[in-house]
C-alpha atoms as a PDB file:
ATOM      1  CA  MET A   1      22.557  18.850  -2.012  1.00  0.00           C
ATOM      2  CA  GLY A   2      23.485  15.945  -4.249  1.00  0.00           C
ATOM      3  CA  HIS A   3      21.437  14.069  -6.442  1.00  0.00           C
ATOM      4  CA  GLY A   4      20.482  11.175  -3.408  1.00  0.00           C
ATOM      5  CA  THR A   5      19.769  13.276  -1.080  1.00  0.00           C
ATOM      6  CA  SER A   6      17.774  15.261  -2.827  1.00  0.00           C
ATOM      7  CA  ARG A   7      15.805  12.005  -4.413  1.00  0.00           C
ATOM      8  CA  GLU A   8      15.622  10.856  -0.789  1.00  0.00           C
ATOM      9  CA  TYR A   9      13.957  14.244   0.025  1.00  0.00           C
ATOM     10  CA  CYS A  10      11.584  13.802  -2.253  1.00  0.00           C
ATOM     11  CA  PHE A  11      10.408  10.301  -1.675  1.00  0.00           C
ATOM     12  CA  SER A  12      10.298  10.860   2.516  1.00  0.00           C
ATOM     13  CA  THR A  13       8.192  13.830   0.840  1.00  0.00           C
ATOM     14  CA  PHE A  14       5.570  12.133  -1.278  1.00  0.00           C
ATOM     15  CA  TYR A  15       5.638   9.025   1.504  1.00  0.00           C
ATOM     16  CA  GLU A  16       4.541  11.538   4.481  1.00  0.00           C
ATOM     17  CA  TYR A  17       1.850  13.255   2.256  1.00  0.00           C
ATOM     18  CA  ALA A  18       0.408   9.631   0.933  1.00  0.00           C
ATOM     19  CA  ASP A  19       0.743   8.196   4.781  1.00  0.00           C
ATOM     20  CA  ARG A  20      -1.622  11.391   5.510  1.00  0.00           C
ATOM     21  CA  LEU A  21      -3.933  10.883   2.430  1.00  0.00           C
ATOM     22  CA  SER A  22      -4.908   7.206   2.849  1.00  0.00           C
ATOM     23  CA  PRO A  23      -7.809   6.914   5.709  1.00  0.00           C
ATOM     24  CA  LEU A  24      -5.822   3.569   7.148  1.00  0.00           C
ATOM     25  CA  GLY A  25      -2.184   4.945   6.528  1.00  0.00           C
ATOM     26  CA  ASN A  26       0.321   3.315   4.573  1.00  0.00           C
ATOM     27  CA  ALA A  27       0.987  -1.057   5.258  1.00  0.00           C
ATOM     28  CA  PRO A  28       4.672  -2.071   7.061  1.00  0.00           C
ATOM     29  CA  ALA A  29       6.286  -4.298   4.635  1.00  0.00           C
ATOM     30  CA  GLU A  30       5.640  -7.431   6.640  1.00  0.00           C
ATOM     31  CA  ALA A  31       1.218  -6.637   5.985  1.00  0.00           C
ATOM     32  CA  CYS A  32       2.276  -6.596   2.389  1.00  0.00           C
ATOM     33  CA  ALA A  33       4.052  -9.427   2.206  1.00  0.00           C
ATOM     34  CA  ASP A  34       0.942 -11.247   4.419  1.00  0.00           C
ATOM     35  CA  TYR A  35      -1.014  -9.996   1.498  1.00  0.00           C
ATOM     36  CA  VAL A  36       0.682 -11.693  -1.047  1.00  0.00           C
ATOM     37  CA  VAL A  37       1.258 -14.976   0.906  1.00  0.00           C
ATOM     38  CA  SER A  38      -2.602 -14.993   1.223  1.00  0.00           C
ATOM     39  CA  LEU A  39      -3.326 -14.869  -2.728  1.00  0.00           C
ATOM     40  CA  PHE A  40      -1.650 -17.732  -3.103  1.00  0.00           C
ATOM     41  CA  SER A  41      -3.174 -19.819  -0.403  1.00  0.00           C
ATOM     42  CA  ALA A  42      -6.178 -22.124  -0.027  1.00  0.00           C
ATOM     43  CA  LEU A  43      -7.745 -18.906   1.681  1.00  0.00           C
ATOM     44  CA  ILE A  44      -8.479 -17.604  -1.416  1.00  0.00           C
ATOM     45  CA  ARG A  45      -9.367 -20.083  -3.566  1.00  0.00           C
ATOM     46  CA  TYR A  46     -13.279 -19.214  -3.786  1.00  0.00           C
ATOM     47  CA  VAL A  47     -12.831 -15.605  -4.196  1.00  0.00           C
ATOM     48  CA  SER A  48     -13.080 -15.719  -8.031  1.00  0.00           C
ATOM     49  CA  MET A  49     -13.218 -12.500 -10.476  1.00  0.00           C
ATOM     50  CA  GLN A  50     -12.644  -9.669  -7.378  1.00  0.00           C
ATOM     51  CA  ASN A  51     -10.774  -6.857  -7.402  1.00  0.00           C
ATOM     52  CA  LEU A  52      -8.802  -7.034  -4.276  1.00  0.00           C
ATOM     53  CA  MET A  53      -7.681  -3.569  -2.915  1.00  0.00           C
ATOM     54  CA  HIS A  54      -4.522  -3.245  -0.645  1.00  0.00           C
ATOM     55  CA  ASP A  55      -4.846   0.279  -0.793  1.00  0.00           C
ATOM     56  CA  GLY A  56      -5.076   1.012   3.004  1.00  0.00           C
ATOM     57  CA  GLY A  57      -8.842   2.011   2.503  1.00  0.00           C
ATOM     58  CA  PHE A  58      -8.624   4.917  -0.081  1.00  0.00           C
ATOM     59  CA  SER A  59     -10.078   3.502  -2.819  1.00  0.00           C
ATOM     60  CA  THR A  60     -13.897   2.515  -0.195  1.00  0.00           C
ATOM     61  CA  ALA A  61     -13.126   6.652   0.561  1.00  0.00           C
ATOM     62  CA  GLY A  62     -15.147   7.999  -2.338  1.00  0.00           C
ATOM     63  CA  THR A  63     -12.173   9.608  -4.005  1.00  0.00           C
END
């Protein structure tokens, strides 16, 4: 097994673990992109001094 294969296995194992651990699951790339776009849009102009989490609900799970 080469280095690349081992790294890919480690990442996929970590990703599966994180997906099981996160209450809402891991977001797809499109959802992450939508979140970033919303941060630069006028939709967020009245939000100030907030911690906006995009972590699949992990921060509200109390762990």
